[in-house]
Amino acid sequence: MTKKSKIKKDMTFADLLKENPESAEILLEEGMSCINCPLARYETLEQGSKAHGVDINEILKKLNKKKKK
């Protein structure tokens, strides 16, 4: 993923955090402690959102908005 790429629901947590470490703050605020989970290397944002009962579309909006700053 490049900085110009949009964050999408099929990205793994590992890929997201590698390219956008500042995203951890948003994930933690939403109760998604996936960043510390061993499955983060393989689990997608969508899978983690479902597991934590978080709306994937809202998370994506926040992540992409933060990325633009």
PDB file of N, CA and C in Angstrom:
ATOM      1  N   MET A   1       0.834  -1.179   0.000  1.00  0.00           N
ATOM      2  CA  MET A   1       0.000   0.000   0.000  1.00  0.00           C
ATOM      3  C   MET A   1       0.881   1.246   0.000  1.00  0.00           C
ATOM      4  N   THR A   2       0.554   2.183  -0.825  1.00  0.00           N
ATOM      5  CA  THR A   2       1.279   3.450  -0.840  1.00  0.00           C
ATOM      6  C   THR A   2       0.470   4.481  -0.072  1.00  0.00           C
ATOM      7  N   LYS A   3       1.091   5.595   0.204  1.00  0.00           N
ATOM      8  CA  LYS A   3       0.415   6.653   0.946  1.00  0.00           C
ATOM      9  C   LYS A   3      -0.806   7.170   0.190  1.00  0.00           C
ATOM     10  N   LYS A   4      -0.822   7.004  -1.140  1.00  0.00           N
ATOM     11  CA  LYS A   4      -1.953   7.455  -1.941  1.00  0.00           C
ATOM     12  C   LYS A   4      -3.103   6.459  -1.925  1.00  0.00           C
ATOM     13  N   SER A   5      -2.839   5.246  -1.504  1.00  0.00           N
ATOM     14  CA  SER A   5      -3.865   4.219  -1.487  1.00  0.00           C
ATOM     15  C   SER A   5      -4.878   4.483  -0.388  1.00  0.00           C
ATOM     16  N   LYS A   6      -6.109   4.181  -0.701  1.00  0.00           N
ATOM     17  CA  LYS A   6      -7.180   4.305   0.270  1.00  0.00           C
ATOM     18  C   LYS A   6      -7.169   3.076   1.176  1.00  0.00           C
ATOM     19  N   ILE A   7      -7.435   3.275   2.434  1.00  0.00           N
ATOM     20  CA  ILE A   7      -7.533   2.168   3.377  1.00  0.00           C
ATOM     21  C   ILE A   7      -8.848   1.456   3.105  1.00  0.00           C
ATOM     22  N   LYS A   8      -8.764   0.128   2.934  1.00  0.00           N
ATOM     23  CA  LYS A   8      -9.942  -0.663   2.581  1.00  0.00           C
ATOM     24  C   LYS A   8     -10.174  -1.772   3.590  1.00  0.00           C
ATOM     25  N   LYS A   9     -11.395  -2.290   3.588  1.00  0.00           N
ATOM     26  CA  LYS A   9     -11.792  -3.295   4.580  1.00  0.00           C
ATOM     27  C   LYS A   9     -11.077  -4.625   4.437  1.00  0.00           C
ATOM     28  N   ASP A  10     -10.495  -4.910   3.276  1.00  0.00           N
ATOM     29  CA  ASP A  10      -9.820  -6.193   3.089  1.00  0.00           C
ATOM     30  C   ASP A  10      -8.332  -6.145   3.447  1.00  0.00           C
ATOM     31  N   MET A  11      -7.864  -5.016   3.965  1.00  0.00           N
ATOM     32  CA  MET A  11      -6.472  -4.903   4.415  1.00  0.00           C
ATOM     33  C   MET A  11      -6.308  -5.612   5.749  1.00  0.00           C
ATOM     34  N   THR A  12      -5.150  -6.175   5.970  1.00  0.00           N
ATOM     35  CA  THR A  12      -4.880  -6.754   7.291  1.00  0.00           C
ATOM     36  C   THR A  12      -4.475  -5.634   8.243  1.00  0.00           C
ATOM     37  N   PHE A  13      -4.627  -5.909   9.513  1.00  0.00           N
ATOM     38  CA  PHE A  13      -4.197  -4.935  10.523  1.00  0.00           C
ATOM     39  C   PHE A  13      -2.697  -4.685  10.408  1.00  0.00           C
ATOM     40  N   ALA A  14      -1.948  -5.734  10.140  1.00  0.00           N
ATOM     41  CA  ALA A  14      -0.493  -5.600  10.025  1.00  0.00           C
ATOM     42  C   ALA A  14      -0.117  -4.651   8.898  1.00  0.00           C
ATOM     43  N   ASP A  15      -0.755  -4.810   7.742  1.00  0.00           N
ATOM     44  CA  ASP A  15      -0.459  -3.934   6.603  1.00  0.00           C
ATOM     45  C   ASP A  15      -0.853  -2.488   6.905  1.00  0.00           C
ATOM     46  N   LEU A  16      -2.013  -2.322   7.505  1.00  0.00           N
ATOM     47  CA  LEU A  16      -2.473  -0.977   7.856  1.00  0.00           C
ATOM     48  C   LEU A  16      -1.477  -0.294   8.787  1.00  0.00           C
ATOM     49  N   LEU A  17      -1.094  -0.979   9.841  1.00  0.00           N
ATOM     50  CA  LEU A  17      -0.218  -0.373  10.840  1.00  0.00           C
ATOM     51  C   LEU A  17       1.204  -0.175  10.345  1.00  0.00           C
ATOM     52  N   LYS A  18       1.631  -1.016   9.433  1.00  0.00           N
ATOM     53  CA  LYS A  18       2.966  -0.853   8.852  1.00  0.00           C
ATOM     54  C   LYS A  18       3.046   0.451   8.059  1.00  0.00           C
ATOM     55  N   GLU A  19       2.009   0.717   7.280  1.00  0.00           N
ATOM     56  CA  GLU A  19       2.002   1.914   6.426  1.00  0.00           C
ATOM     57  C   GLU A  19       1.444   3.153   7.124  1.00  0.00           C
ATOM     58  N   ASN A  20       0.602   2.934   8.118  1.00  0.00           N
ATOM     59  CA  ASN A  20      -0.068   4.049   8.803  1.00  0.00           C
ATOM     60  C   ASN A  20      -0.103   3.806  10.311  1.00  0.00           C
ATOM     61  N   PRO A  21       1.040   3.876  10.977  1.00  0.00           N
ATOM     62  CA  PRO A  21       1.076   3.579  12.415  1.00  0.00           C
ATOM     63  C   PRO A  21       0.159   4.474  13.247  1.00  0.00           C
ATOM     64  N   GLU A  22      -0.140   5.653  12.743  1.00  0.00           N
ATOM     65  CA  GLU A  22      -1.028   6.565  13.465  1.00  0.00           C
ATOM     66  C   GLU A  22      -2.452   6.029  13.548  1.00  0.00           C
ATOM     67  N   SER A  23      -2.775   5.019  12.750  1.00  0.00           N
ATOM     68  CA  SER A  23      -4.102   4.406  12.773  1.00  0.00           C
ATOM     69  C   SER A  23      -4.376   3.669  14.072  1.00  0.00           C
ATOM     70  N   ALA A  24      -3.345   3.282  14.778  1.00  0.00           N
ATOM     71  CA  ALA A  24      -3.510   2.549  16.040  1.00  0.00           C
ATOM     72  C   ALA A  24      -4.373   3.329  17.023  1.00  0.00           C
ATOM     73  N   GLU A  25      -4.200   4.634  17.062  1.00  0.00           N
ATOM     74  CA  GLU A  25      -4.969   5.469  17.976  1.00  0.00           C
ATOM     75  C   GLU A  25      -6.472   5.337  17.724  1.00  0.00           C
ATOM     76  N   ILE A  26      -6.862   5.385  16.482  1.00  0.00           N
ATOM     77  CA  ILE A  26      -8.279   5.267  16.126  1.00  0.00           C
ATOM     78  C   ILE A  26      -8.807   3.879  16.467  1.00  0.00           C
ATOM     79  N   LEU A  27      -8.044   2.857  16.129  1.00  0.00           N
ATOM     80  CA  LEU A  27      -8.476   1.487  16.416  1.00  0.00           C
ATOM     81  C   LEU A  27      -8.694   1.290  17.916  1.00  0.00           C
ATOM     82  N   LEU A  28      -7.780   1.779  18.713  1.00  0.00           N
ATOM     83  CA  LEU A  28      -7.903   1.636  20.163  1.00  0.00           C
ATOM     84  C   LEU A  28      -9.087   2.427  20.714  1.00  0.00           C
ATOM     85  N   GLU A  29      -9.315   3.615  20.172  1.00  0.00           N
ATOM     86  CA  GLU A  29     -10.463   4.424  20.604  1.00  0.00           C
ATOM     87  C   GLU A  29     -11.778   3.703  20.337  1.00  0.00           C
ATOM     88  N   GLU A  30     -11.814   2.900  19.292  1.00  0.00           N
ATOM     89  CA  GLU A  30     -13.021   2.170  18.915  1.00  0.00           C
ATOM     90  C   GLU A  30     -13.124   0.809  19.611  1.00  0.00           C
ATOM     91  N   GLY A  31     -12.201   0.527  20.508  1.00  0.00           N
ATOM     92  CA  GLY A  31     -12.237  -0.730  21.247  1.00  0.00           C
ATOM     93  C   GLY A  31     -11.674  -1.911  20.490  1.00  0.00           C
ATOM     94  N   MET A  32     -10.909  -1.621  19.459  1.00  0.00           N
ATOM     95  CA  MET A  32     -10.319  -2.675  18.642  1.00  0.00           C
ATOM     96  C   MET A  32      -8.853  -2.841  19.030  1.00  0.00           C
ATOM     97  N   SER A  33      -8.628  -3.703  19.990  1.00  0.00           N
ATOM     98  CA  SER A  33      -7.262  -3.929  20.459  1.00  0.00           C
ATOM     99  C   SER A  33      -6.530  -4.931  19.570  1.00  0.00           C
ATOM    100  N   CYS A  34      -7.000  -5.092  18.357  1.00  0.00           N
ATOM    101  CA  CYS A  34      -6.437  -6.040  17.387  1.00  0.00           C
ATOM    102  C   CYS A  34      -4.954  -5.800  17.123  1.00  0.00           C
ATOM    103  N   ILE A  35      -4.494  -4.614  17.380  1.00  0.00           N
ATOM    104  CA  ILE A  35      -3.098  -4.304  17.092  1.00  0.00           C
ATOM    105  C   ILE A  35      -2.148  -5.135  17.938  1.00  0.00           C
ATOM    106  N   ASN A  36      -2.643  -5.637  19.056  1.00  0.00           N
ATOM    107  CA  ASN A  36      -1.822  -6.467  19.936  1.00  0.00           C
ATOM    108  C   ASN A  36      -2.061  -7.961  19.753  1.00  0.00           C
ATOM    109  N   CYS A  37      -2.972  -8.316  18.888  1.00  0.00           N
ATOM    110  CA  CYS A  37      -3.363  -9.712  18.700  1.00  0.00           C
ATOM    111  C   CYS A  37      -2.427 -10.421  17.719  1.00  0.00           C
ATOM    112  N   PRO A  38      -2.057 -11.661  18.017  1.00  0.00           N
ATOM    113  CA  PRO A  38      -1.204 -12.416  17.086  1.00  0.00           C
ATOM    114  C   PRO A  38      -1.850 -12.620  15.716  1.00  0.00           C
ATOM    115  N   LEU A  39      -3.175 -12.568  15.655  1.00  0.00           N
ATOM    116  CA  LEU A  39      -3.860 -12.753  14.376  1.00  0.00           C
ATOM    117  C   LEU A  39      -3.840 -11.495  13.504  1.00  0.00           C
ATOM    118  N   ALA A  40      -3.352 -10.392  14.027  1.00  0.00           N
ATOM    119  CA  ALA A  40      -3.344  -9.133  13.272  1.00  0.00           C
ATOM    120  C   ALA A  40      -2.583  -9.243  11.959  1.00  0.00           C
ATOM    121  N   ARG A  41      -1.668 -10.180  11.887  1.00  0.00           N
ATOM    122  CA  ARG A  41      -0.912 -10.370  10.640  1.00  0.00           C
ATOM    123  C   ARG A  41      -1.808 -10.883   9.522  1.00  0.00           C
ATOM    124  N   TYR A  42      -2.889 -11.565   9.896  1.00  0.00           N
ATOM    125  CA  TYR A  42      -3.739 -12.225   8.912  1.00  0.00           C
ATOM    126  C   TYR A  42      -5.179 -11.703   8.878  1.00  0.00           C
ATOM    127  N   GLU A  43      -5.618 -11.127   9.978  1.00  0.00           N
ATOM    128  CA  GLU A  43      -7.006 -10.687  10.080  1.00  0.00           C
ATOM    129  C   GLU A  43      -7.203  -9.364   9.347  1.00  0.00           C
ATOM    130  N   THR A  44      -8.312  -9.271   8.609  1.00  0.00           N
ATOM    131  CA  THR A  44      -8.607  -8.037   7.888  1.00  0.00           C
ATOM    132  C   THR A  44      -9.350  -7.065   8.804  1.00  0.00           C
ATOM    133  N   LEU A  45      -9.391  -5.829   8.379  1.00  0.00           N
ATOM    134  CA  LEU A  45     -10.132  -4.821   9.133  1.00  0.00           C
ATOM    135  C   LEU A  45     -11.596  -5.216   9.253  1.00  0.00           C
ATOM    136  N   GLU A  46     -12.149  -5.769   8.197  1.00  0.00           N
ATOM    137  CA  GLU A  46     -13.547  -6.176   8.219  1.00  0.00           C
ATOM    138  C   GLU A  46     -13.779  -7.302   9.237  1.00  0.00           C
ATOM    139  N   GLN A  47     -12.905  -8.281   9.263  1.00  0.00           N
ATOM    140  CA  GLN A  47     -13.041  -9.382  10.211  1.00  0.00           C
ATOM    141  C   GLN A  47     -12.936  -8.879  11.649  1.00  0.00           C
ATOM    142  N   GLY A  48     -11.990  -8.007  11.909  1.00  0.00           N
ATOM    143  CA  GLY A  48     -11.822  -7.452  13.249  1.00  0.00           C
ATOM    144  C   GLY A  48     -13.015  -6.609  13.665  1.00  0.00           C
ATOM    145  N   SER A  49     -13.550  -5.845  12.727  1.00  0.00           N
ATOM    146  CA  SER A  49     -14.723  -5.020  13.016  1.00  0.00           C
ATOM    147  C   SER A  49     -15.911  -5.880  13.409  1.00  0.00           C
ATOM    148  N   LYS A  50     -16.119  -6.951  12.665  1.00  0.00           N
ATOM    149  CA  LYS A  50     -17.223  -7.866  12.986  1.00  0.00           C
ATOM    150  C   LYS A  50     -17.024  -8.490  14.359  1.00  0.00           C
ATOM    151  N   ALA A  51     -15.811  -8.906  14.654  1.00  0.00           N
ATOM    152  CA  ALA A  51     -15.517  -9.560  15.931  1.00  0.00           C
ATOM    153  C   ALA A  51     -15.752  -8.631  17.118  1.00  0.00           C
ATOM    154  N   HIS A  52     -15.557  -7.334  16.899  1.00  0.00           N
ATOM    155  CA  HIS A  52     -15.701  -6.360  17.983  1.00  0.00           C
ATOM    156  C   HIS A  52     -17.010  -5.584  17.914  1.00  0.00           C
ATOM    157  N   GLY A  53     -17.862  -5.917  16.944  1.00  0.00           N
ATOM    158  CA  GLY A  53     -19.154  -5.245  16.830  1.00  0.00           C
ATOM    159  C   GLY A  53     -19.042  -3.781  16.444  1.00  0.00           C
ATOM    160  N   VAL A  54     -18.057  -3.480  15.608  1.00  0.00           N
ATOM    161  CA  VAL A  54     -17.802  -2.102  15.172  1.00  0.00           C
ATOM    162  C   VAL A  54     -18.207  -1.964  13.701  1.00  0.00           C
ATOM    163  N   ASP A  55     -18.811  -0.855  13.358  1.00  0.00           N
ATOM    164  CA  ASP A  55     -19.224  -0.591  11.974  1.00  0.00           C
ATOM    165  C   ASP A  55     -17.985  -0.347  11.111  1.00  0.00           C
ATOM    166  N   ILE A  56     -17.736  -1.230  10.159  1.00  0.00           N
ATOM    167  CA  ILE A  56     -16.545  -1.127   9.306  1.00  0.00           C
ATOM    168  C   ILE A  56     -16.537   0.175   8.510  1.00  0.00           C
ATOM    169  N   ASN A  57     -17.688   0.623   8.064  1.00  0.00           N
ATOM    170  CA  ASN A  57     -17.734   1.851   7.263  1.00  0.00           C
ATOM    171  C   ASN A  57     -17.326   3.076   8.075  1.00  0.00           C
ATOM    172  N   GLU A  58     -17.736   3.116   9.337  1.00  0.00           N
ATOM    173  CA  GLU A  58     -17.347   4.232  10.203  1.00  0.00           C
ATOM    174  C   GLU A  58     -15.845   4.210  10.481  1.00  0.00           C
ATOM    175  N   ILE A  59     -15.319   3.036  10.724  1.00  0.00           N
ATOM    176  CA  ILE A  59     -13.872   2.903  10.963  1.00  0.00           C
ATOM    177  C   ILE A  59     -13.095   3.357   9.737  1.00  0.00           C
ATOM    178  N   LEU A  60     -13.519   2.914   8.567  1.00  0.00           N
ATOM    179  CA  LEU A  60     -12.818   3.290   7.326  1.00  0.00           C
ATOM    180  C   LEU A  60     -12.847   4.798   7.114  1.00  0.00           C
ATOM    181  N   LYS A  61     -13.982   5.432   7.401  1.00  0.00           N
ATOM    182  CA  LYS A  61     -14.075   6.894   7.269  1.00  0.00           C
ATOM    183  C   LYS A  61     -13.053   7.577   8.174  1.00  0.00           C
ATOM    184  N   LYS A  62     -12.995   7.124   9.418  1.00  0.00           N
ATOM    185  CA  LYS A  62     -12.070   7.734  10.380  1.00  0.00           C
ATOM    186  C   LYS A  62     -10.614   7.485   9.990  1.00  0.00           C
ATOM    187  N   LEU A  63     -10.317   6.260   9.575  1.00  0.00           N
ATOM    188  CA  LEU A  63      -8.939   5.926   9.198  1.00  0.00           C
ATOM    189  C   LEU A  63      -8.488   6.717   7.986  1.00  0.00           C
ATOM    190  N   ASN A  64      -9.329   6.801   6.971  1.00  0.00           N
ATOM    191  CA  ASN A  64      -8.963   7.540   5.760  1.00  0.00           C
ATOM    192  C   ASN A  64      -8.890   9.039   5.995  1.00  0.00           C
ATOM    193  N   LYS A  65      -9.743   9.559   6.877  1.00  0.00           N
ATOM    194  CA  LYS A  65      -9.687  10.978   7.214  1.00  0.00           C
ATOM    195  C   LYS A  65      -8.378  11.299   7.932  1.00  0.00           C
ATOM    196  N   LYS A  66      -7.999  10.462   8.883  1.00  0.00           N
ATOM    197  CA  LYS A  66      -6.749  10.656   9.633  1.00  0.00           C
ATOM    198  C   LYS A  66      -5.553  10.567   8.696  1.00  0.00           C
ATOM    199  N   LYS A  67      -5.614   9.664   7.747  1.00  0.00           N
ATOM    200  CA  LYS A  67      -4.507   9.454   6.817  1.00  0.00           C
ATOM    201  C   LYS A  67      -4.238  10.696   5.965  1.00  0.00           C
ATOM    202  N   LYS A  68      -5.277  11.440   5.634  1.00  0.00           N
ATOM    203  CA  LYS A  68      -5.138  12.626   4.782  1.00  0.00           C
ATOM    204  C   LYS A  68      -4.448  13.779   5.479  1.00  0.00           C
ATOM    205  N   LYS A  69      -4.461  13.757   6.811  1.00  0.00           N
ATOM    206  CA  LYS A  69      -3.869  14.880   7.576  1.00  0.00           C
ATOM    207  C   LYS A  69      -2.372  14.874   7.494  1.00  0.00           C
TER     208      LYS A  69
END
